[in-house]
Amino acid sequence: MILLIILFIFLIPSVLAWDDCPFGFVDEEYPGYCGRYIDTNNDGICDHSQSEPVQLIVDNEQVNQTISNKESTKNLFENKNFLILLISFLIIIFTIITLRFLVKKEIISKLKEKIIWNILLLIFFLPSAITAFLLVLMINFQFLRDISLNFIEFHSITSFFFMWISAYHIIWHTNYYLKSVETILSSK
């Protein structure tokens, strides 16, 4: 509970801030160069890199109709991160089905299946962790910002794959986790 309060205290000011980009960027477009990217007004520009918008009250039915038409045409599949999330999910589901089929047909052993999943966990964990580390360091080191690789996008892709593989791993080993908790609780 105390941790949540501390996080709330530190995160709320950064979420509500405008024009305070630590890199000094102006009108930084999505996905931005740091993990602090936020876009509360949905204009595709990081709030930290722009001045606080002025809200205009317009009493024109035609303008309101245009705005509602634009909002209704927004499609979930136009969101690049959603597409990556969906594609990574489908790839992992296909891999699960393929490996289960190969084990069932005794083409590969259960041990090899476990080894494959552990290797996939490692393959996606390492770039996810390394890019997260680099994103944290980018705030203080200009040479990392000068690298043309989009760390946030690479981090997102590898993290989505890592998330799905981890979720499958947890489901696969649910009995182990339950027995471990049971053992811990019964040993008191």
N, C-alpha and C. Protein backbone atom coordinates (compact mmCIF):
# COMPACT_ATOMS: atom_id res chain seq x y z
N MET A 1 0.82 -1.19 0.00
CA MET A 1 0.00 0.00 0.00
C MET A 1 0.87 1.26 0.00
N ILE A 2 1.92 1.24 0.83
CA ILE A 2 2.81 2.39 0.91
C ILE A 2 3.51 2.59 -0.44
N LEU A 3 3.89 1.49 -1.08
CA LEU A 3 4.54 1.57 -2.39
C LEU A 3 3.61 2.23 -3.42
N LEU A 4 2.32 1.89 -3.39
CA LEU A 4 1.37 2.50 -4.32
C LEU A 4 1.23 3.99 -4.07
N ILE A 5 1.22 4.39 -2.83
CA ILE A 5 1.12 5.81 -2.49
C ILE A 5 2.35 6.56 -3.00
N ILE A 6 3.54 5.97 -2.78
CA ILE A 6 4.78 6.59 -3.25
C ILE A 6 4.78 6.71 -4.77
N LEU A 7 4.38 5.64 -5.46
CA LEU A 7 4.30 5.69 -6.93
C LEU A 7 3.30 6.75 -7.38
N PHE A 8 2.18 6.84 -6.70
CA PHE A 8 1.17 7.84 -7.04
C PHE A 8 1.73 9.25 -6.88
N ILE A 9 2.45 9.48 -5.82
CA ILE A 9 3.03 10.80 -5.56
C ILE A 9 4.03 11.19 -6.64
N PHE A 10 4.85 10.23 -7.09
CA PHE A 10 5.87 10.54 -8.08
C PHE A 10 5.35 10.54 -9.51
N LEU A 11 4.33 9.74 -9.81
CA LEU A 11 3.85 9.65 -11.18
C LEU A 11 2.85 10.74 -11.54
N ILE A 12 2.00 11.13 -10.64
CA ILE A 12 0.98 12.12 -10.96
C ILE A 12 1.58 13.44 -11.43
N PRO A 13 2.60 14.00 -10.76
CA PRO A 13 3.16 15.25 -11.27
C PRO A 13 3.73 15.12 -12.68
N SER A 14 4.33 13.97 -13.00
CA SER A 14 4.90 13.83 -14.33
C SER A 14 3.82 13.64 -15.39
N VAL A 15 2.68 13.10 -15.00
CA VAL A 15 1.59 12.91 -15.94
C VAL A 15 0.90 14.24 -16.24
N LEU A 16 0.81 15.09 -15.24
CA LEU A 16 0.08 16.34 -15.40
C LEU A 16 0.94 17.47 -15.94
N ALA A 17 2.22 17.22 -16.14
CA ALA A 17 3.13 18.29 -16.55
C ALA A 17 3.06 18.52 -18.05
N TRP A 18 3.32 19.77 -18.46
CA TRP A 18 3.39 20.15 -19.85
C TRP A 18 4.69 20.92 -20.05
N ASP A 19 5.22 20.82 -21.24
CA ASP A 19 6.40 21.61 -21.61
C ASP A 19 7.57 21.42 -20.64
N ASP A 20 7.84 20.15 -20.27
CA ASP A 20 8.94 19.88 -19.35
C ASP A 20 9.78 18.68 -19.80
N CYS A 21 9.97 18.54 -21.11
CA CYS A 21 10.71 17.41 -21.67
C CYS A 21 12.15 17.42 -21.15
N PRO A 22 12.61 16.30 -20.55
CA PRO A 22 13.97 16.28 -20.03
C PRO A 22 15.03 16.35 -21.14
N PHE A 23 14.64 16.03 -22.39
CA PHE A 23 15.58 16.10 -23.51
C PHE A 23 15.54 17.44 -24.20
N GLY A 24 14.55 18.24 -23.87
CA GLY A 24 14.38 19.53 -24.53
C GLY A 24 13.72 19.42 -25.89
N PHE A 25 13.08 18.28 -26.18
CA PHE A 25 12.39 18.12 -27.46
C PHE A 25 11.16 19.02 -27.52
N VAL A 26 10.85 19.46 -28.72
CA VAL A 26 9.65 20.25 -28.96
C VAL A 26 8.78 19.47 -29.93
N ASP A 27 7.53 19.29 -29.61
CA ASP A 27 6.55 18.56 -30.43
C ASP A 27 7.06 17.17 -30.80
N GLU A 28 7.45 16.40 -29.82
CA GLU A 28 7.96 15.03 -30.00
C GLU A 28 6.81 14.10 -30.39
N GLU A 29 6.89 13.53 -31.60
CA GLU A 29 5.84 12.66 -32.08
C GLU A 29 5.97 11.26 -31.51
N TYR A 30 4.86 10.51 -31.54
CA TYR A 30 4.83 9.14 -31.06
C TYR A 30 5.81 8.29 -31.85
N PRO A 31 6.58 7.38 -31.28
CA PRO A 31 6.50 6.93 -29.90
C PRO A 31 7.41 7.70 -28.96
N GLY A 32 8.12 8.67 -29.43
CA GLY A 32 9.01 9.44 -28.56
C GLY A 32 10.30 8.70 -28.27
N TYR A 33 11.19 9.35 -27.55
CA TYR A 33 12.49 8.76 -27.28
C TYR A 33 12.67 8.31 -25.84
N CYS A 34 11.66 8.44 -25.03
CA CYS A 34 11.83 8.01 -23.64
C CYS A 34 10.55 7.37 -23.15
N GLY A 35 10.64 6.73 -22.01
CA GLY A 35 9.49 6.05 -21.42
C GLY A 35 8.49 6.99 -20.79
N ARG A 36 8.76 8.28 -20.81
CA ARG A 36 7.85 9.26 -20.20
C ARG A 36 6.83 9.78 -21.20
N TYR A 37 6.79 9.24 -22.41
CA TYR A 37 5.86 9.70 -23.43
C TYR A 37 4.43 9.58 -22.90
N ILE A 38 3.69 10.66 -23.02
CA ILE A 38 2.27 10.66 -22.64
C ILE A 38 1.54 11.60 -23.57
N ASP A 39 0.32 11.22 -23.92
CA ASP A 39 -0.46 12.02 -24.85
C ASP A 39 -1.90 12.09 -24.35
N THR A 40 -2.15 12.95 -23.38
CA THR A 40 -3.48 13.04 -22.78
C THR A 40 -4.51 13.69 -23.70
N ASN A 41 -4.08 14.51 -24.63
CA ASN A 41 -5.03 15.17 -25.53
C ASN A 41 -5.13 14.49 -26.90
N ASN A 42 -4.48 13.34 -27.05
CA ASN A 42 -4.57 12.51 -28.26
C ASN A 42 -4.24 13.25 -29.56
N ASP A 43 -3.20 14.08 -29.52
CA ASP A 43 -2.81 14.78 -30.75
C ASP A 43 -1.57 14.17 -31.39
N GLY A 44 -1.08 13.04 -30.85
CA GLY A 44 0.08 12.37 -31.42
C GLY A 44 1.40 13.00 -31.05
N ILE A 45 1.39 13.96 -30.14
CA ILE A 45 2.61 14.65 -29.71
C ILE A 45 2.71 14.51 -28.19
N CYS A 46 3.91 14.21 -27.71
CA CYS A 46 4.14 14.04 -26.28
C CYS A 46 3.80 15.33 -25.53
N ASP A 47 3.00 15.20 -24.49
CA ASP A 47 2.60 16.38 -23.70
C ASP A 47 3.79 17.07 -23.06
N HIS A 48 4.84 16.29 -22.74
CA HIS A 48 6.03 16.89 -22.12
C HIS A 48 6.79 17.80 -23.09
N SER A 49 6.53 17.65 -24.39
CA SER A 49 7.28 18.44 -25.38
C SER A 49 6.45 19.57 -26.01
N GLN A 50 5.30 19.84 -25.45
CA GLN A 50 4.47 20.91 -25.99
C GLN A 50 3.83 21.71 -24.87
N SER A 51 3.40 22.90 -25.22
CA SER A 51 2.73 23.76 -24.24
C SER A 51 1.34 23.22 -23.97
N GLU A 52 0.83 23.52 -22.78
CA GLU A 52 -0.51 23.07 -22.42
C GLU A 52 -1.52 23.67 -23.38
N PRO A 53 -2.39 22.83 -23.93
CA PRO A 53 -3.35 23.35 -24.91
C PRO A 53 -4.40 24.24 -24.24
N VAL A 54 -4.87 25.18 -25.01
CA VAL A 54 -5.94 26.06 -24.54
C VAL A 54 -7.24 25.47 -25.04
N GLN A 55 -8.19 25.32 -24.13
CA GLN A 55 -9.47 24.73 -24.52
C GLN A 55 -10.40 25.83 -25.00
N LEU A 56 -10.86 25.66 -26.22
CA LEU A 56 -11.80 26.61 -26.80
C LEU A 56 -13.20 26.00 -26.76
N ILE A 57 -14.15 26.78 -26.34
CA ILE A 57 -15.52 26.30 -26.32
C ILE A 57 -16.20 26.84 -27.57
N VAL A 58 -16.62 25.92 -28.43
CA VAL A 58 -17.26 26.29 -29.68
C VAL A 58 -18.69 25.76 -29.64
N ASP A 59 -19.62 26.60 -29.90
CA ASP A 59 -21.02 26.21 -29.87
C ASP A 59 -21.53 26.08 -31.29
N ASN A 60 -20.87 25.23 -32.06
CA ASN A 60 -21.24 25.07 -33.45
C ASN A 60 -21.54 23.60 -33.68
N GLU A 61 -22.76 23.28 -34.05
CA GLU A 61 -23.16 21.89 -34.21
C GLU A 61 -22.36 21.19 -35.30
N GLN A 62 -22.00 21.91 -36.38
CA GLN A 62 -21.25 21.31 -37.47
C GLN A 62 -19.86 20.88 -37.01
N VAL A 63 -19.18 21.69 -36.20
CA VAL A 63 -17.86 21.33 -35.67
C VAL A 63 -17.98 20.11 -34.78
N ASN A 64 -19.00 20.08 -33.92
CA ASN A 64 -19.20 18.92 -33.04
C ASN A 64 -19.46 17.66 -33.84
N GLN A 65 -20.23 17.79 -34.94
CA GLN A 65 -20.50 16.63 -35.79
C GLN A 65 -19.23 16.13 -36.46
N THR A 66 -18.37 17.04 -36.91
CA THR A 66 -17.09 16.66 -37.53
C THR A 66 -16.21 15.92 -36.53
N ILE A 67 -16.16 16.41 -35.32
CA ILE A 67 -15.34 15.77 -34.28
C ILE A 67 -15.88 14.38 -33.99
N SER A 68 -17.19 14.22 -33.84
CA SER A 68 -17.75 12.91 -33.54
C SER A 68 -17.56 11.95 -34.71
N ASN A 69 -17.60 12.45 -35.95
CA ASN A 69 -17.34 11.60 -37.12
C ASN A 69 -15.90 11.11 -37.12
N LYS A 70 -14.95 11.98 -36.79
CA LYS A 70 -13.55 11.56 -36.74
C LYS A 70 -13.34 10.51 -35.68
N GLU A 71 -13.94 10.69 -34.50
CA GLU A 71 -13.77 9.73 -33.42
C GLU A 71 -14.40 8.40 -33.77
N SER A 72 -15.53 8.41 -34.48
CA SER A 72 -16.19 7.15 -34.81
C SER A 72 -15.43 6.37 -35.88
N THR A 73 -14.58 7.05 -36.67
CA THR A 73 -13.83 6.35 -37.71
C THR A 73 -12.52 5.77 -37.18
N LYS A 74 -12.15 6.11 -35.96
CA LYS A 74 -10.94 5.53 -35.40
C LYS A 74 -11.15 4.04 -35.21
N ASN A 75 -10.22 3.28 -35.70
CA ASN A 75 -10.32 1.84 -35.66
C ASN A 75 -9.23 1.29 -34.77
N LEU A 76 -9.57 0.28 -33.99
CA LEU A 76 -8.58 -0.33 -33.10
C LEU A 76 -7.40 -0.88 -33.89
N PHE A 77 -7.65 -1.34 -35.11
CA PHE A 77 -6.59 -1.92 -35.92
C PHE A 77 -5.67 -0.87 -36.54
N GLU A 78 -5.98 0.41 -36.37
CA GLU A 78 -5.09 1.47 -36.81
C GLU A 78 -4.01 1.75 -35.77
N ASN A 79 -4.18 1.21 -34.59
CA ASN A 79 -3.21 1.37 -33.51
C ASN A 79 -2.07 0.37 -33.73
N LYS A 80 -0.88 0.88 -33.99
CA LYS A 80 0.27 0.02 -34.31
C LYS A 80 0.60 -0.93 -33.16
N ASN A 81 0.56 -0.44 -31.93
CA ASN A 81 0.86 -1.30 -30.78
C ASN A 81 -0.16 -2.41 -30.63
N PHE A 82 -1.43 -2.12 -30.91
CA PHE A 82 -2.45 -3.16 -30.84
C PHE A 82 -2.18 -4.23 -31.88
N LEU A 83 -1.79 -3.81 -33.08
CA LEU A 83 -1.49 -4.78 -34.13
C LEU A 83 -0.31 -5.67 -33.75
N ILE A 84 0.72 -5.06 -33.17
CA ILE A 84 1.88 -5.85 -32.73
C ILE A 84 1.47 -6.82 -31.63
N LEU A 85 0.63 -6.35 -30.71
CA LEU A 85 0.13 -7.20 -29.63
C LEU A 85 -0.64 -8.38 -30.19
N LEU A 86 -1.51 -8.12 -31.14
CA LEU A 86 -2.33 -9.16 -31.75
C LEU A 86 -1.48 -10.14 -32.56
N ILE A 87 -0.57 -9.62 -33.36
CA ILE A 87 0.29 -10.48 -34.18
C ILE A 87 1.18 -11.35 -33.30
N SER A 88 1.75 -10.77 -32.25
CA SER A 88 2.60 -11.55 -31.35
C SER A 88 1.78 -12.65 -30.67
N PHE A 89 0.54 -12.33 -30.28
CA PHE A 89 -0.33 -13.33 -29.67
C PHE A 89 -0.59 -14.48 -30.63
N LEU A 90 -0.92 -14.16 -31.88
CA LEU A 90 -1.21 -15.20 -32.87
C LEU A 90 0.02 -16.06 -33.16
N ILE A 91 1.19 -15.44 -33.21
CA ILE A 91 2.42 -16.21 -33.45
C ILE A 91 2.68 -17.17 -32.29
N ILE A 92 2.49 -16.69 -31.06
CA ILE A 92 2.73 -17.55 -29.90
C ILE A 92 1.70 -18.68 -29.85
N ILE A 93 0.43 -18.39 -30.15
CA ILE A 93 -0.60 -19.44 -30.19
C ILE A 93 -0.23 -20.48 -31.24
N PHE A 94 0.20 -20.04 -32.42
CA PHE A 94 0.62 -20.96 -33.47
C PHE A 94 1.80 -21.82 -33.00
N THR A 95 2.76 -21.20 -32.30
CA THR A 95 3.92 -21.93 -31.79
C THR A 95 3.50 -22.96 -30.74
N ILE A 96 2.58 -22.58 -29.86
CA ILE A 96 2.08 -23.50 -28.84
C ILE A 96 1.43 -24.71 -29.50
N ILE A 97 0.54 -24.46 -30.44
CA ILE A 97 -0.17 -25.55 -31.12
C ILE A 97 0.81 -26.44 -31.87
N THR A 98 1.77 -25.83 -32.56
CA THR A 98 2.75 -26.61 -33.32
C THR A 98 3.59 -27.49 -32.40
N LEU A 99 4.11 -26.90 -31.32
CA LEU A 99 4.95 -27.69 -30.41
C LEU A 99 4.16 -28.79 -29.70
N ARG A 100 2.92 -28.49 -29.29
CA ARG A 100 2.08 -29.53 -28.66
C ARG A 100 1.81 -30.67 -29.64
N PHE A 101 1.57 -30.31 -30.92
CA PHE A 101 1.35 -31.33 -31.95
C PHE A 101 2.59 -32.19 -32.12
N LEU A 102 3.78 -31.56 -32.17
CA LEU A 102 5.02 -32.31 -32.35
C LEU A 102 5.30 -33.23 -31.16
N VAL A 103 4.95 -32.79 -29.97
CA VAL A 103 5.13 -33.65 -28.78
C VAL A 103 4.14 -34.81 -28.82
N LYS A 104 2.90 -34.52 -29.18
CA LYS A 104 1.87 -35.56 -29.24
C LYS A 104 2.22 -36.63 -30.27
N LYS A 105 2.79 -36.22 -31.41
CA LYS A 105 3.19 -37.16 -32.46
C LYS A 105 4.56 -37.77 -32.17
N GLU A 106 5.14 -37.41 -31.02
CA GLU A 106 6.45 -37.91 -30.56
C GLU A 106 7.57 -37.58 -31.55
N ILE A 107 7.46 -36.46 -32.23
CA ILE A 107 8.51 -35.98 -33.12
C ILE A 107 9.59 -35.30 -32.28
N ILE A 108 9.14 -34.61 -31.23
CA ILE A 108 10.08 -34.06 -30.24
C ILE A 108 9.62 -34.51 -28.86
N SER A 109 10.55 -34.54 -27.92
CA SER A 109 10.20 -34.95 -26.55
C SER A 109 9.68 -33.77 -25.75
N LYS A 110 9.05 -34.07 -24.61
CA LYS A 110 8.56 -33.01 -23.72
C LYS A 110 9.73 -32.17 -23.20
N LEU A 111 10.87 -32.81 -22.99
CA LEU A 111 12.04 -32.10 -22.52
C LEU A 111 12.49 -31.07 -23.57
N LYS A 112 12.52 -31.47 -24.85
CA LYS A 112 12.90 -30.52 -25.90
C LYS A 112 11.90 -29.37 -26.01
N GLU A 113 10.62 -29.69 -25.80
CA GLU A 113 9.61 -28.63 -25.81
C GLU A 113 9.90 -27.60 -24.70
N LYS A 114 10.21 -28.10 -23.51
CA LYS A 114 10.54 -27.19 -22.40
C LYS A 114 11.79 -26.38 -22.71
N ILE A 115 12.76 -27.01 -23.32
CA ILE A 115 14.00 -26.30 -23.68
C ILE A 115 13.70 -25.20 -24.70
N ILE A 116 12.87 -25.51 -25.69
CA ILE A 116 12.49 -24.51 -26.70
C ILE A 116 11.82 -23.32 -26.05
N TRP A 117 10.86 -23.57 -25.14
CA TRP A 117 10.16 -22.46 -24.48
C TRP A 117 11.11 -21.65 -23.60
N ASN A 118 12.02 -22.32 -22.92
CA ASN A 118 12.98 -21.58 -22.09
C ASN A 118 13.91 -20.72 -22.95
N ILE A 119 14.30 -21.24 -24.10
CA ILE A 119 15.15 -20.45 -25.01
C ILE A 119 14.36 -19.25 -25.55
N LEU A 120 13.10 -19.47 -25.91
CA LEU A 120 12.27 -18.36 -26.39
C LEU A 120 12.07 -17.30 -25.31
N LEU A 121 11.88 -17.74 -24.06
CA LEU A 121 11.79 -16.78 -22.96
C LEU A 121 13.05 -15.93 -22.88
N LEU A 122 14.20 -16.57 -22.97
CA LEU A 122 15.47 -15.85 -22.90
C LEU A 122 15.66 -14.92 -24.11
N ILE A 123 15.33 -15.42 -25.30
CA ILE A 123 15.50 -14.64 -26.52
C ILE A 123 14.70 -13.34 -26.46
N PHE A 124 13.50 -13.39 -25.90
CA PHE A 124 12.68 -12.17 -25.85
C PHE A 124 12.89 -11.37 -24.57
N PHE A 125 13.34 -12.03 -23.51
CA PHE A 125 13.61 -11.28 -22.27
C PHE A 125 14.82 -10.36 -22.43
N LEU A 126 15.90 -10.88 -22.98
CA LEU A 126 17.14 -10.09 -23.07
C LEU A 126 16.95 -8.76 -23.82
N PRO A 127 16.43 -8.75 -25.04
CA PRO A 127 16.27 -7.44 -25.69
C PRO A 127 15.25 -6.56 -24.99
N SER A 128 14.23 -7.16 -24.39
CA SER A 128 13.25 -6.36 -23.65
C SER A 128 13.92 -5.68 -22.46
N ALA A 129 14.70 -6.42 -21.71
CA ALA A 129 15.38 -5.86 -20.54
C ALA A 129 16.46 -4.85 -20.94
N ILE A 130 17.23 -5.17 -21.97
CA ILE A 130 18.32 -4.28 -22.40
C ILE A 130 17.75 -2.96 -22.93
N THR A 131 16.69 -3.03 -23.75
CA THR A 131 16.11 -1.79 -24.26
C THR A 131 15.46 -0.98 -23.14
N ALA A 132 14.87 -1.64 -22.16
CA ALA A 132 14.31 -0.92 -21.00
C ALA A 132 15.43 -0.17 -20.27
N PHE A 133 16.54 -0.85 -20.09
CA PHE A 133 17.71 -0.24 -19.43
C PHE A 133 18.22 0.96 -20.23
N LEU A 134 18.31 0.80 -21.55
CA LEU A 134 18.77 1.89 -22.41
C LEU A 134 17.80 3.07 -22.42
N LEU A 135 16.49 2.77 -22.37
CA LEU A 135 15.51 3.85 -22.32
C LEU A 135 15.64 4.67 -21.05
N VAL A 136 15.97 4.02 -19.96
CA VAL A 136 16.19 4.74 -18.70
C VAL A 136 17.45 5.60 -18.81
N LEU A 137 18.49 5.06 -19.43
CA LEU A 137 19.75 5.79 -19.55
C LEU A 137 19.69 6.92 -20.58
N MET A 138 18.76 6.84 -21.54
CA MET A 138 18.68 7.85 -22.60
C MET A 138 18.46 9.25 -22.05
N ILE A 139 17.80 9.35 -20.92
CA ILE A 139 17.52 10.66 -20.35
C ILE A 139 18.81 11.40 -20.04
N ASN A 140 19.85 10.67 -19.65
CA ASN A 140 21.09 11.30 -19.22
C ASN A 140 22.21 11.26 -20.24
N PHE A 141 22.10 10.43 -21.27
CA PHE A 141 23.20 10.27 -22.20
C PHE A 141 22.77 10.58 -23.64
N GLN A 142 23.30 11.65 -24.18
CA GLN A 142 22.95 12.12 -25.52
C GLN A 142 23.30 11.09 -26.59
N PHE A 143 24.43 10.39 -26.46
CA PHE A 143 24.84 9.45 -27.51
C PHE A 143 23.80 8.34 -27.70
N LEU A 144 23.05 7.99 -26.65
CA LEU A 144 22.00 6.99 -26.81
C LEU A 144 20.81 7.55 -27.59
N ARG A 145 20.53 8.82 -27.41
CA ARG A 145 19.44 9.46 -28.16
C ARG A 145 19.82 9.62 -29.62
N ASP A 146 21.12 9.71 -29.91
CA ASP A 146 21.58 9.89 -31.28
C ASP A 146 21.55 8.60 -32.10
N ILE A 147 21.44 7.46 -31.43
CA ILE A 147 21.35 6.19 -32.14
C ILE A 147 20.02 6.14 -32.89
N SER A 148 20.06 5.75 -34.13
CA SER A 148 18.85 5.81 -34.97
C SER A 148 17.84 4.71 -34.65
N LEU A 149 18.21 3.71 -33.85
CA LEU A 149 17.29 2.63 -33.50
C LEU A 149 16.20 3.16 -32.58
N ASN A 150 14.97 2.84 -32.89
CA ASN A 150 13.84 3.25 -32.06
C ASN A 150 13.70 2.25 -30.91
N PHE A 151 14.29 2.59 -29.77
CA PHE A 151 14.32 1.69 -28.63
C PHE A 151 12.92 1.37 -28.11
N ILE A 152 12.02 2.34 -28.13
CA ILE A 152 10.68 2.10 -27.58
C ILE A 152 9.93 1.08 -28.43
N GLU A 153 10.02 1.20 -29.74
CA GLU A 153 9.33 0.26 -30.61
C GLU A 153 9.93 -1.15 -30.47
N PHE A 154 11.25 -1.24 -30.46
CA PHE A 154 11.91 -2.53 -30.29
C PHE A 154 11.57 -3.13 -28.93
N HIS A 155 11.54 -2.28 -27.90
CA HIS A 155 11.18 -2.74 -26.56
C HIS A 155 9.74 -3.25 -26.54
N SER A 156 8.83 -2.55 -27.19
CA SER A 156 7.43 -2.96 -27.22
C SER A 156 7.27 -4.32 -27.89
N ILE A 157 7.90 -4.49 -29.02
CA ILE A 157 7.76 -5.75 -29.76
C ILE A 157 8.28 -6.92 -28.94
N THR A 158 9.50 -6.80 -28.41
CA THR A 158 10.07 -7.91 -27.65
C THR A 158 9.32 -8.14 -26.34
N SER A 159 8.81 -7.07 -25.75
CA SER A 159 8.06 -7.22 -24.49
C SER A 159 6.73 -7.92 -24.71
N PHE A 160 6.06 -7.64 -25.84
CA PHE A 160 4.80 -8.33 -26.12
C PHE A 160 5.04 -9.83 -26.26
N PHE A 161 6.06 -10.21 -27.01
CA PHE A 161 6.37 -11.63 -27.15
C PHE A 161 6.73 -12.24 -25.80
N PHE A 162 7.56 -11.55 -25.05
CA PHE A 162 7.96 -12.05 -23.73
C PHE A 162 6.74 -12.20 -22.82
N MET A 163 5.82 -11.25 -22.88
CA MET A 163 4.61 -11.30 -22.05
C MET A 163 3.77 -12.54 -22.39
N TRP A 164 3.54 -12.80 -23.69
CA TRP A 164 2.71 -13.95 -24.07
C TRP A 164 3.38 -15.27 -23.70
N ILE A 165 4.69 -15.36 -23.92
CA ILE A 165 5.41 -16.60 -23.57
C ILE A 165 5.39 -16.80 -22.07
N SER A 166 5.57 -15.73 -21.31
CA SER A 166 5.53 -15.82 -19.84
C SER A 166 4.15 -16.25 -19.36
N ALA A 167 3.11 -15.68 -19.97
CA ALA A 167 1.74 -16.06 -19.59
C ALA A 167 1.51 -17.55 -19.86
N TYR A 168 1.95 -18.02 -21.02
CA TYR A 168 1.81 -19.45 -21.32
C TYR A 168 2.62 -20.29 -20.33
N HIS A 169 3.80 -19.83 -20.00
CA HIS A 169 4.66 -20.55 -19.06
C HIS A 169 3.98 -20.65 -17.69
N ILE A 170 3.36 -19.56 -17.25
CA ILE A 170 2.67 -19.58 -15.96
C ILE A 170 1.48 -20.53 -16.00
N ILE A 171 0.71 -20.49 -17.07
CA ILE A 171 -0.44 -21.40 -17.20
C ILE A 171 0.04 -22.85 -17.24
N TRP A 172 1.09 -23.08 -17.99
CA TRP A 172 1.64 -24.43 -18.14
C TRP A 172 2.09 -24.99 -16.79
N HIS A 173 2.66 -24.15 -15.94
CA HIS A 173 3.20 -24.60 -14.66
C HIS A 173 2.35 -24.19 -13.47
N THR A 174 1.05 -24.01 -13.67
CA THR A 174 0.16 -23.59 -12.59
C THR A 174 0.20 -24.57 -11.42
N ASN A 175 0.18 -25.86 -11.69
CA ASN A 175 0.22 -26.85 -10.61
C ASN A 175 1.48 -26.70 -9.76
N TYR A 176 2.59 -26.45 -10.39
CA TYR A 176 3.85 -26.25 -9.66
C TYR A 176 3.74 -25.06 -8.71
N TYR A 177 3.20 -23.94 -9.23
CA TYR A 177 3.08 -22.74 -8.40
C TYR A 177 2.11 -22.96 -7.25
N LEU A 178 0.99 -23.62 -7.51
CA LEU A 178 0.02 -23.89 -6.45
C LEU A 178 0.60 -24.80 -5.38
N LYS A 179 1.32 -25.84 -5.81
CA LYS A 179 1.95 -26.75 -4.84
C LYS A 179 3.03 -26.04 -4.05
N SER A 180 3.74 -25.13 -4.69
CA SER A 180 4.77 -24.36 -3.97
C SER A 180 4.15 -23.49 -2.89
N VAL A 181 3.06 -22.81 -3.21
CA VAL A 181 2.38 -21.99 -2.22
C VAL A 181 1.83 -22.86 -1.09
N GLU A 182 1.26 -24.00 -1.47
CA GLU A 182 0.74 -24.93 -0.49
C GLU A 182 1.84 -25.42 0.45
N THR A 183 3.01 -25.72 -0.10
CA THR A 183 4.15 -26.18 0.69
C THR A 183 4.61 -25.09 1.65
N ILE A 184 4.69 -23.87 1.15
CA ILE A 184 5.12 -22.75 1.99
C ILE A 184 4.13 -22.52 3.14
N LEU A 185 2.85 -22.57 2.83
CA LEU A 185 1.83 -22.33 3.84
C LEU A 185 1.75 -23.45 4.87
N SER A 186 1.98 -24.69 4.41
CA SER A 186 1.88 -25.83 5.34
C SER A 186 3.13 -25.99 6.21
N SER A 187 4.22 -25.37 5.84
CA SER A 187 5.46 -25.52 6.63
C SER A 187 5.53 -24.60 7.83
N LYS A 188 4.53 -23.72 8.01
CA LYS A 188 4.54 -22.79 9.15
C LYS A 188 4.14 -23.45 10.42
